[in-house]
N, C-alpha and C. Protein backbone atom coordinates (compact mmCIF):
# COMPACT_ATOMS: atom_id res chain seq x y z
N UNK A 1 234.09 -42.23 228.04
CA UNK A 1 235.01 -42.52 226.96
C UNK A 1 235.97 -41.33 226.81
N UNK A 2 237.28 -41.59 226.83
CA UNK A 2 238.22 -40.48 226.71
C UNK A 2 238.20 -39.86 225.32
N UNK A 3 238.57 -38.59 225.28
CA UNK A 3 238.60 -37.87 224.01
C UNK A 3 239.73 -38.39 223.13
N UNK A 4 239.57 -38.19 221.83
CA UNK A 4 240.61 -38.58 220.89
C UNK A 4 241.80 -37.65 221.05
N UNK A 5 243.00 -38.19 221.22
CA UNK A 5 244.16 -37.31 221.36
C UNK A 5 244.38 -36.49 220.10
N UNK A 6 244.70 -35.23 220.28
CA UNK A 6 244.97 -34.33 219.16
C UNK A 6 246.43 -33.89 219.24
N UNK A 7 247.05 -33.79 218.08
CA UNK A 7 248.42 -33.30 218.06
C UNK A 7 248.39 -31.78 218.06
N UNK A 8 249.13 -31.19 218.98
CA UNK A 8 249.25 -29.74 219.01
C UNK A 8 250.39 -29.30 218.11
N UNK A 9 250.78 -28.03 218.22
CA UNK A 9 251.89 -27.55 217.41
C UNK A 9 253.18 -28.27 217.76
N UNK A 10 253.95 -28.63 216.76
CA UNK A 10 255.20 -29.35 216.95
C UNK A 10 256.34 -28.40 216.60
N UNK A 11 257.19 -28.10 217.57
CA UNK A 11 258.27 -27.14 217.36
C UNK A 11 259.58 -27.83 217.06
N UNK A 12 259.56 -28.90 216.32
CA UNK A 12 260.78 -29.52 215.84
C UNK A 12 261.53 -30.33 216.87
N UNK A 13 260.83 -30.98 217.76
CA UNK A 13 261.51 -31.79 218.75
C UNK A 13 260.55 -32.69 219.47
N UNK A 14 261.07 -33.43 220.42
CA UNK A 14 260.24 -34.33 221.21
C UNK A 14 259.43 -33.52 222.22
N UNK A 15 258.55 -34.18 222.92
CA UNK A 15 257.73 -33.48 223.90
C UNK A 15 258.58 -32.95 225.05
N UNK A 16 259.65 -33.67 225.41
CA UNK A 16 260.54 -33.19 226.46
C UNK A 16 261.25 -31.92 226.01
N UNK A 17 261.67 -31.89 224.74
CA UNK A 17 262.33 -30.70 224.21
C UNK A 17 261.38 -29.52 224.20
N UNK A 18 260.13 -29.76 223.82
CA UNK A 18 259.16 -28.68 223.78
C UNK A 18 258.88 -28.14 225.18
N UNK A 19 258.80 -29.03 226.17
CA UNK A 19 258.55 -28.59 227.55
C UNK A 19 259.70 -27.73 228.05
N UNK A 20 260.95 -28.17 227.78
CA UNK A 20 262.10 -27.39 228.20
C UNK A 20 262.19 -26.06 227.46
N UNK A 21 261.84 -26.06 226.17
CA UNK A 21 261.87 -24.83 225.40
C UNK A 21 260.85 -23.83 225.95
N UNK A 22 259.66 -24.30 226.28
CA UNK A 22 258.64 -23.41 226.84
C UNK A 22 259.07 -22.90 228.22
N UNK A 23 259.71 -23.76 229.02
CA UNK A 23 260.20 -23.32 230.33
C UNK A 23 261.27 -22.25 230.17
N UNK A 24 262.17 -22.43 229.21
CA UNK A 24 263.21 -21.43 228.96
C UNK A 24 262.61 -20.12 228.44
N UNK A 25 261.62 -20.22 227.56
CA UNK A 25 260.96 -19.01 227.07
C UNK A 25 260.25 -18.28 228.21
N UNK A 26 259.59 -19.04 229.09
CA UNK A 26 258.89 -18.42 230.23
C UNK A 26 259.89 -17.75 231.17
N UNK A 27 261.03 -18.39 231.42
CA UNK A 27 262.05 -17.78 232.28
C UNK A 27 262.61 -16.52 231.64
N UNK A 28 262.83 -16.54 230.34
CA UNK A 28 263.32 -15.35 229.63
C UNK A 28 262.29 -14.23 229.66
N UNK A 29 261.03 -14.59 229.53
CA UNK A 29 259.96 -13.60 229.59
C UNK A 29 259.90 -12.94 230.96
N UNK A 30 260.06 -13.72 232.00
CA UNK A 30 260.04 -13.17 233.36
C UNK A 30 261.26 -12.28 233.58
N UNK A 31 262.41 -12.71 233.07
CA UNK A 31 263.65 -11.95 233.27
C UNK A 31 263.60 -10.60 232.56
N UNK A 32 263.22 -10.61 231.28
CA UNK A 32 263.26 -9.39 230.48
C UNK A 32 261.92 -8.67 230.43
N UNK A 33 260.84 -9.34 230.80
CA UNK A 33 259.47 -8.84 230.78
C UNK A 33 258.94 -8.61 229.37
N UNK A 34 259.73 -8.91 228.34
CA UNK A 34 259.28 -8.87 226.94
C UNK A 34 260.34 -9.60 226.11
N UNK A 35 259.88 -10.48 225.22
CA UNK A 35 260.81 -11.18 224.33
C UNK A 35 260.23 -11.19 222.92
N UNK A 36 261.13 -11.33 221.95
CA UNK A 36 260.73 -11.45 220.55
C UNK A 36 260.98 -12.88 220.13
N UNK A 37 259.95 -13.52 219.61
CA UNK A 37 260.03 -14.91 219.18
C UNK A 37 259.06 -15.10 218.01
N UNK A 38 258.94 -16.32 217.53
CA UNK A 38 257.99 -16.55 216.45
C UNK A 38 256.57 -16.47 217.01
N UNK A 39 255.66 -16.19 216.12
CA UNK A 39 254.26 -16.02 216.53
C UNK A 39 253.69 -17.31 217.11
N UNK A 40 254.04 -18.45 216.53
CA UNK A 40 253.54 -19.74 217.01
C UNK A 40 254.04 -20.03 218.43
N UNK A 41 255.33 -19.76 218.67
CA UNK A 41 255.87 -19.99 220.01
C UNK A 41 255.25 -19.03 221.02
N UNK A 42 255.02 -17.78 220.61
CA UNK A 42 254.39 -16.81 221.51
C UNK A 42 252.98 -17.25 221.90
N UNK A 43 252.24 -17.75 220.91
CA UNK A 43 250.87 -18.20 221.19
C UNK A 43 250.87 -19.45 222.07
N UNK A 44 251.89 -20.31 221.92
CA UNK A 44 251.98 -21.50 222.76
C UNK A 44 252.45 -21.14 224.17
N UNK A 45 253.25 -20.09 224.29
CA UNK A 45 253.79 -19.67 225.59
C UNK A 45 252.76 -18.97 226.45
N UNK A 46 251.83 -18.27 225.84
CA UNK A 46 250.88 -17.45 226.60
C UNK A 46 250.13 -18.22 227.69
N UNK A 47 249.46 -19.35 227.41
CA UNK A 47 248.74 -20.03 228.49
C UNK A 47 249.66 -20.56 229.59
N UNK A 48 250.86 -20.97 229.22
CA UNK A 48 251.81 -21.48 230.22
C UNK A 48 252.22 -20.37 231.16
N UNK A 49 252.61 -19.22 230.59
CA UNK A 49 253.07 -18.10 231.42
C UNK A 49 251.94 -17.54 232.27
N UNK A 50 250.73 -17.50 231.72
CA UNK A 50 249.61 -16.98 232.51
C UNK A 50 249.30 -17.90 233.69
N UNK A 51 249.40 -19.21 233.49
CA UNK A 51 249.18 -20.14 234.60
C UNK A 51 250.27 -19.99 235.66
N UNK A 52 251.52 -19.75 235.23
CA UNK A 52 252.60 -19.54 236.20
C UNK A 52 252.35 -18.28 237.02
N UNK A 53 251.91 -17.20 236.38
CA UNK A 53 251.63 -15.96 237.10
C UNK A 53 250.47 -16.15 238.06
N UNK A 54 249.43 -16.86 237.63
CA UNK A 54 248.30 -17.12 238.51
C UNK A 54 248.72 -17.94 239.72
N UNK A 55 249.58 -18.94 239.50
CA UNK A 55 250.07 -19.75 240.61
C UNK A 55 250.92 -18.90 241.55
N UNK A 56 251.70 -17.98 241.00
CA UNK A 56 252.51 -17.08 241.83
C UNK A 56 251.62 -16.13 242.62
N UNK A 57 250.51 -15.70 242.02
CA UNK A 57 249.56 -14.85 242.75
C UNK A 57 248.96 -15.60 243.93
N UNK A 58 248.62 -16.87 243.72
CA UNK A 58 248.05 -17.66 244.80
C UNK A 58 249.07 -17.96 245.89
N UNK A 59 250.37 -17.88 245.54
CA UNK A 59 251.43 -18.10 246.53
C UNK A 59 251.67 -16.86 247.38
N UNK A 60 250.99 -15.76 247.08
CA UNK A 60 251.17 -14.53 247.85
C UNK A 60 250.56 -14.63 249.24
N UNK A 61 249.41 -15.28 249.36
CA UNK A 61 248.74 -15.37 250.67
C UNK A 61 249.46 -16.38 251.57
N UNK A 62 249.24 -16.27 252.85
CA UNK A 62 249.92 -17.14 253.81
C UNK A 62 249.10 -18.40 254.08
N UNK A 63 248.87 -19.16 253.03
CA UNK A 63 248.14 -20.41 253.17
C UNK A 63 249.13 -21.56 253.35
N UNK A 64 248.64 -22.71 253.79
CA UNK A 64 249.55 -23.86 253.91
C UNK A 64 250.12 -24.32 252.57
N UNK A 65 249.52 -23.92 251.46
CA UNK A 65 249.97 -24.34 250.14
C UNK A 65 251.00 -23.38 249.52
N UNK A 66 251.40 -22.34 250.24
CA UNK A 66 252.34 -21.35 249.70
C UNK A 66 253.64 -22.00 249.22
N UNK A 67 254.27 -22.79 250.08
CA UNK A 67 255.55 -23.41 249.73
C UNK A 67 255.35 -24.40 248.58
N UNK A 68 254.25 -25.12 248.59
CA UNK A 68 253.95 -26.09 247.54
C UNK A 68 253.85 -25.39 246.18
N UNK A 69 253.14 -24.26 246.14
CA UNK A 69 252.98 -23.53 244.88
C UNK A 69 254.31 -22.97 244.38
N UNK A 70 255.10 -22.46 245.29
CA UNK A 70 256.42 -21.93 244.90
C UNK A 70 257.28 -23.06 244.35
N UNK A 71 257.21 -24.22 244.97
CA UNK A 71 258.00 -25.36 244.49
C UNK A 71 257.50 -25.87 243.15
N UNK A 72 256.20 -25.77 242.90
CA UNK A 72 255.67 -26.15 241.59
C UNK A 72 256.22 -25.22 240.50
N UNK A 73 256.25 -23.92 240.79
CA UNK A 73 256.80 -22.95 239.85
C UNK A 73 258.27 -23.25 239.61
N UNK A 74 259.01 -23.47 240.71
CA UNK A 74 260.44 -23.79 240.63
C UNK A 74 260.67 -25.06 239.83
N UNK A 75 259.82 -26.05 240.02
CA UNK A 75 259.96 -27.31 239.29
C UNK A 75 259.76 -27.14 237.81
N UNK A 76 258.87 -26.24 237.41
CA UNK A 76 258.65 -26.03 235.98
C UNK A 76 259.76 -25.17 235.37
N UNK A 77 260.06 -24.04 236.01
CA UNK A 77 261.06 -23.12 235.45
C UNK A 77 262.48 -23.65 235.58
N UNK A 78 262.79 -24.29 236.70
CA UNK A 78 264.13 -24.79 236.93
C UNK A 78 265.14 -23.69 237.22
N UNK A 79 264.66 -22.50 237.56
CA UNK A 79 265.55 -21.37 237.81
C UNK A 79 265.08 -20.66 239.08
N UNK A 80 265.91 -20.73 240.12
CA UNK A 80 265.53 -20.18 241.42
C UNK A 80 265.36 -18.67 241.37
N UNK A 81 266.25 -17.99 240.64
CA UNK A 81 266.18 -16.53 240.57
C UNK A 81 264.91 -16.06 239.88
N UNK A 82 264.54 -16.73 238.79
CA UNK A 82 263.33 -16.32 238.07
C UNK A 82 262.07 -16.66 238.88
N UNK A 83 262.12 -17.76 239.64
CA UNK A 83 261.00 -18.09 240.51
C UNK A 83 260.82 -16.99 241.55
N UNK A 84 261.93 -16.56 242.15
CA UNK A 84 261.85 -15.50 243.16
C UNK A 84 261.34 -14.20 242.54
N UNK A 85 261.83 -13.85 241.37
CA UNK A 85 261.37 -12.62 240.72
C UNK A 85 259.88 -12.70 240.39
N UNK A 86 259.44 -13.86 239.93
CA UNK A 86 258.02 -14.03 239.60
C UNK A 86 257.15 -13.86 240.83
N UNK A 87 257.53 -14.52 241.92
CA UNK A 87 256.70 -14.48 243.13
C UNK A 87 256.80 -13.13 243.84
N UNK A 88 258.01 -12.56 243.90
CA UNK A 88 258.20 -11.34 244.68
C UNK A 88 257.90 -10.06 243.91
N UNK A 89 258.19 -10.02 242.61
CA UNK A 89 258.06 -8.77 241.86
C UNK A 89 256.89 -8.75 240.88
N UNK A 90 256.76 -9.81 240.08
CA UNK A 90 255.77 -9.80 238.99
C UNK A 90 254.35 -10.04 239.50
N UNK A 91 254.16 -11.07 240.31
CA UNK A 91 252.80 -11.45 240.74
C UNK A 91 252.08 -10.35 241.53
N UNK A 92 252.75 -9.61 242.44
CA UNK A 92 252.02 -8.56 243.17
C UNK A 92 251.46 -7.46 242.26
N UNK A 93 252.07 -7.26 241.09
CA UNK A 93 251.56 -6.25 240.16
C UNK A 93 250.16 -6.59 239.67
N UNK A 94 249.85 -7.89 239.61
CA UNK A 94 248.58 -8.34 239.03
C UNK A 94 247.60 -8.81 240.10
N UNK A 95 247.73 -8.31 241.32
CA UNK A 95 246.87 -8.75 242.41
C UNK A 95 245.40 -8.45 242.12
N UNK A 96 245.11 -7.35 241.46
CA UNK A 96 243.72 -6.95 241.19
C UNK A 96 243.24 -7.39 239.81
N UNK A 97 244.10 -8.04 239.05
CA UNK A 97 243.76 -8.41 237.67
C UNK A 97 243.42 -9.88 237.59
N UNK A 98 242.33 -10.22 236.92
CA UNK A 98 241.90 -11.61 236.77
C UNK A 98 242.25 -12.13 235.38
N UNK A 99 243.50 -12.44 235.17
CA UNK A 99 243.93 -12.98 233.89
C UNK A 99 244.30 -11.88 232.90
N UNK A 100 244.77 -12.28 231.73
CA UNK A 100 245.17 -11.33 230.71
C UNK A 100 246.44 -10.58 231.09
N UNK A 101 247.45 -11.32 231.52
CA UNK A 101 248.68 -10.70 231.98
C UNK A 101 249.66 -10.43 230.85
N UNK A 102 249.43 -11.02 229.68
CA UNK A 102 250.39 -10.93 228.58
C UNK A 102 249.75 -10.28 227.36
N UNK A 103 250.62 -9.69 226.53
CA UNK A 103 250.19 -9.07 225.28
C UNK A 103 251.09 -9.60 224.18
N UNK A 104 250.50 -9.95 223.04
CA UNK A 104 251.27 -10.41 221.89
C UNK A 104 251.11 -9.38 220.78
N UNK A 105 252.24 -8.82 220.33
CA UNK A 105 252.25 -7.85 219.24
C UNK A 105 252.91 -8.49 218.03
N UNK A 106 252.23 -8.49 216.91
CA UNK A 106 252.79 -9.09 215.69
C UNK A 106 253.75 -8.10 215.05
N UNK A 107 254.91 -8.60 214.63
CA UNK A 107 255.98 -7.74 214.11
C UNK A 107 256.21 -7.89 212.61
N UNK A 108 255.69 -8.93 212.00
CA UNK A 108 255.94 -9.15 210.57
C UNK A 108 256.94 -10.27 210.37
N UNK A 109 257.30 -10.54 209.12
CA UNK A 109 258.16 -11.69 208.83
C UNK A 109 259.64 -11.43 209.17
N UNK A 110 260.33 -12.51 209.54
CA UNK A 110 261.77 -12.47 209.81
C UNK A 110 262.51 -12.47 208.48
N UNK A 111 263.63 -11.78 208.43
CA UNK A 111 264.38 -11.60 207.18
C UNK A 111 264.87 -12.93 206.61
N UNK A 112 265.42 -13.81 207.43
CA UNK A 112 266.07 -15.01 206.92
C UNK A 112 265.14 -16.05 206.34
N UNK A 113 264.10 -16.43 207.10
CA UNK A 113 263.25 -17.54 206.67
C UNK A 113 261.78 -17.17 206.54
N UNK A 114 261.47 -15.89 206.64
CA UNK A 114 260.10 -15.38 206.47
C UNK A 114 259.13 -15.88 207.53
N UNK A 115 259.65 -16.29 208.69
CA UNK A 115 258.77 -16.73 209.77
C UNK A 115 258.10 -15.50 210.40
N UNK A 116 256.82 -15.63 210.73
CA UNK A 116 256.10 -14.53 211.36
C UNK A 116 256.63 -14.33 212.78
N UNK A 117 257.03 -13.12 213.10
CA UNK A 117 257.61 -12.81 214.40
C UNK A 117 256.59 -12.05 215.25
N UNK A 118 256.77 -12.17 216.56
CA UNK A 118 255.87 -11.50 217.49
C UNK A 118 256.65 -11.13 218.75
N UNK A 119 256.19 -10.09 219.42
CA UNK A 119 256.76 -9.67 220.70
C UNK A 119 255.72 -10.00 221.76
N UNK A 120 256.12 -10.79 222.75
CA UNK A 120 255.22 -11.12 223.86
C UNK A 120 255.75 -10.40 225.08
N UNK A 121 254.86 -9.69 225.78
CA UNK A 121 255.29 -8.87 226.90
C UNK A 121 254.25 -8.89 228.02
N UNK A 122 254.72 -8.60 229.21
CA UNK A 122 253.82 -8.48 230.37
C UNK A 122 253.07 -7.15 230.24
N UNK A 123 251.79 -7.16 230.54
CA UNK A 123 250.97 -5.95 230.43
C UNK A 123 251.30 -5.02 231.58
């Protein structure tokens, strides 16, 4: 019997909008290696970005699945330059690390709407 579907955090849009927003946040994180966003978005981004880094780590070896994994990353991010940076620059840094590639630092409330802000960065 399948599990009861649960609603996750809703960031003010459809599921397609949320997927694109997370992809854009992940691409920005890879580009700048640290971004400031709301705490909820940072917590939602962490598992996505960690899975992308793990997939990029697995694309380092010369297996038959190398091109497939790179194309999966490219398909999610939609940005060729960020895919290349992730596979060529970021993933080799974590070759000896088994997860825990990101750090979330809480910054306090935002001035305008009192939303809790956080800085998410690569360790």
